């Protein structure tokens, strides 16, 4: 164990003795663990921090919007509304393509490696 591990363990033990963990939210209930198997091990901590902070990259948000718009288009029966939704979808696709080209995401090795997992996760 490193010195940091020892210090952390000592702080935990002191907290246990002082009752610092006695009234935590969710005590006595099963924990809900998120499946991070689709995220590379070296990116999991960063992914979790960003997710907990509510951060969603713009291209991911746009992709989610595109899925929602596609679902709405499939269900739409009003011609005027259908034209409006198709216009929004075209604009989202254009913005998504601009972002991915600008950031060269599509050219990156990581994107190519995880593209199908990302799209499957978003149900695209």
Protein backbone atom coordinates (compact mmCIF):
# COMPACT_ATOMS: atom_id res chain seq x y z
CA UNK A 1 0.00 0.00 0.00
CA UNK A 2 1.17 3.50 -0.74
CA UNK A 3 1.25 6.26 1.84
CA UNK A 4 -1.88 7.79 0.30
CA UNK A 5 -3.74 4.48 0.61
CA UNK A 6 -2.68 4.23 4.26
CA UNK A 7 -3.77 7.81 4.97
CA UNK A 8 -7.12 7.25 3.27
CA UNK A 9 -7.70 4.03 5.20
CA UNK A 10 -6.88 5.77 8.47
CA UNK A 11 -9.38 8.57 7.70
CA UNK A 12 -12.05 5.98 6.88
CA UNK A 13 -11.42 4.13 10.14
CA UNK A 14 -11.64 7.38 12.14
CA UNK A 15 -14.89 8.22 10.36
CA UNK A 16 -16.30 4.78 11.16
CA UNK A 17 -15.40 5.15 14.85
CA UNK A 18 -16.95 8.64 15.01
CA UNK A 19 -20.16 7.60 13.24
CA UNK A 20 -19.61 9.80 10.18
CA UNK A 21 -21.17 7.14 7.93
CA UNK A 22 -24.18 6.26 10.10
CA UNK A 23 -26.76 8.53 8.46
CA UNK A 24 -25.85 8.46 4.79
CA UNK A 25 -28.65 8.56 2.20
CA UNK A 26 -29.56 5.09 0.96
CA UNK A 27 -28.19 3.31 4.04
CA UNK A 28 -29.50 -0.24 4.20
CA UNK A 29 -30.65 -0.22 0.57
CA UNK A 30 -29.00 -2.01 -2.34
CA UNK A 31 -26.59 0.15 -4.28
CA UNK A 32 -27.28 0.96 -7.90
CA UNK A 33 -24.16 0.42 -9.96
CA UNK A 34 -23.93 1.76 -13.47
CA UNK A 35 -22.73 -0.55 -16.22
CA UNK A 36 -19.58 1.07 -17.56
CA UNK A 37 -18.45 -1.96 -19.55
CA UNK A 38 -18.76 0.01 -22.80
CA UNK A 39 -16.41 2.74 -21.56
CA UNK A 40 -12.65 2.07 -21.74
CA UNK A 41 -11.12 1.53 -18.30
CA UNK A 42 -8.83 4.54 -18.60
CA UNK A 43 -11.82 6.83 -19.36
CA UNK A 44 -14.27 5.57 -16.72
CA UNK A 45 -13.33 8.00 -13.95
CA UNK A 46 -13.50 10.99 -16.28
CA UNK A 47 -16.76 9.75 -17.75
CA UNK A 48 -18.30 9.36 -14.30
CA UNK A 49 -17.15 12.81 -13.15
CA UNK A 50 -18.56 14.50 -16.24
CA UNK A 51 -21.81 12.52 -16.04
CA UNK A 52 -22.30 13.36 -12.36
CA UNK A 53 -21.70 17.02 -13.17
CA UNK A 54 -24.47 16.86 -15.78
CA UNK A 55 -22.12 17.49 -18.69
CA UNK A 56 -23.08 16.07 -22.04
CA UNK A 57 -20.90 16.83 -25.08
CA UNK A 58 -22.77 18.84 -27.70
CA UNK A 59 -22.47 16.12 -30.34
CA UNK A 60 -23.97 13.54 -27.98
CA UNK A 61 -26.87 15.86 -27.11
CA UNK A 62 -27.48 16.53 -30.79
CA UNK A 63 -27.42 12.80 -31.50
CA UNK A 64 -30.01 12.24 -28.78
CA UNK A 65 -32.13 15.03 -30.27
CA UNK A 66 -31.86 13.35 -33.67
CA UNK A 67 -33.18 10.08 -32.22
CA UNK A 68 -36.09 11.91 -30.59
CA UNK A 69 -36.90 13.76 -33.82
CA UNK A 70 -36.78 10.51 -35.80
CA UNK A 71 -39.24 8.93 -33.36
CA UNK A 72 -41.55 11.93 -33.63
CA UNK A 73 -41.40 11.83 -37.42
CA UNK A 74 -42.38 8.15 -37.45
CA UNK A 75 -45.46 8.95 -35.35
CA UNK A 76 -46.45 12.23 -37.00
CA UNK A 77 -49.61 12.40 -39.11
CA UNK A 78 -49.84 16.18 -39.66
CA UNK A 79 -48.10 17.28 -42.89
CA UNK A 80 -47.16 20.74 -41.56
CA UNK A 81 -45.70 19.28 -38.39
CA UNK A 82 -43.89 16.62 -40.42
CA UNK A 83 -42.21 19.32 -42.56
CA UNK A 84 -41.18 21.21 -39.43
CA UNK A 85 -39.74 18.09 -37.77
CA UNK A 86 -37.87 17.07 -40.93
CA UNK A 87 -36.36 20.56 -41.11
CA UNK A 88 -35.20 20.31 -37.50
CA UNK A 89 -33.73 16.87 -38.16
CA UNK A 90 -31.82 18.15 -41.21
CA UNK A 91 -30.44 21.04 -39.14
CA UNK A 92 -29.36 18.66 -36.36
CA UNK A 93 -27.66 16.35 -38.86
CA UNK A 94 -25.82 19.27 -40.40
CA UNK A 95 -24.66 20.52 -36.99
CA UNK A 96 -23.61 16.99 -35.94
CA UNK A 97 -21.57 16.58 -39.13
CA UNK A 98 -19.94 19.98 -38.62
CA UNK A 99 -18.98 19.14 -35.05
CA UNK A 100 -17.58 15.73 -35.85
CA UNK A 101 -15.56 17.10 -38.75
CA UNK A 102 -14.34 20.06 -36.71
CA UNK A 103 -13.21 17.85 -33.86
CA UNK A 104 -12.05 15.11 -36.21
CA UNK A 105 -13.94 12.61 -34.08
CA UNK A 106 -14.69 10.38 -37.03
CA UNK A 107 -11.00 10.20 -37.88
CA UNK A 108 -9.87 9.35 -34.37
CA UNK A 109 -8.94 5.79 -33.55
CA UNK A 110 -11.01 5.87 -30.35
CA UNK A 111 -14.16 6.91 -32.20
CA UNK A 112 -13.75 4.19 -34.79
CA UNK A 113 -13.17 1.65 -32.05
CA UNK A 114 -16.19 2.64 -29.94
CA UNK A 115 -18.54 4.04 -32.59
CA UNK A 116 -20.86 1.04 -32.69
CA UNK A 117 -21.00 0.86 -28.88
CA UNK A 118 -21.85 4.58 -28.68
CA UNK A 119 -24.57 4.36 -31.32
CA UNK A 120 -25.99 1.14 -29.87
CA UNK A 121 -26.13 2.77 -26.43
CA UNK A 122 -28.07 5.68 -27.91
CA UNK A 123 -30.29 3.26 -29.87
CA UNK A 124 -29.31 4.83 -33.19
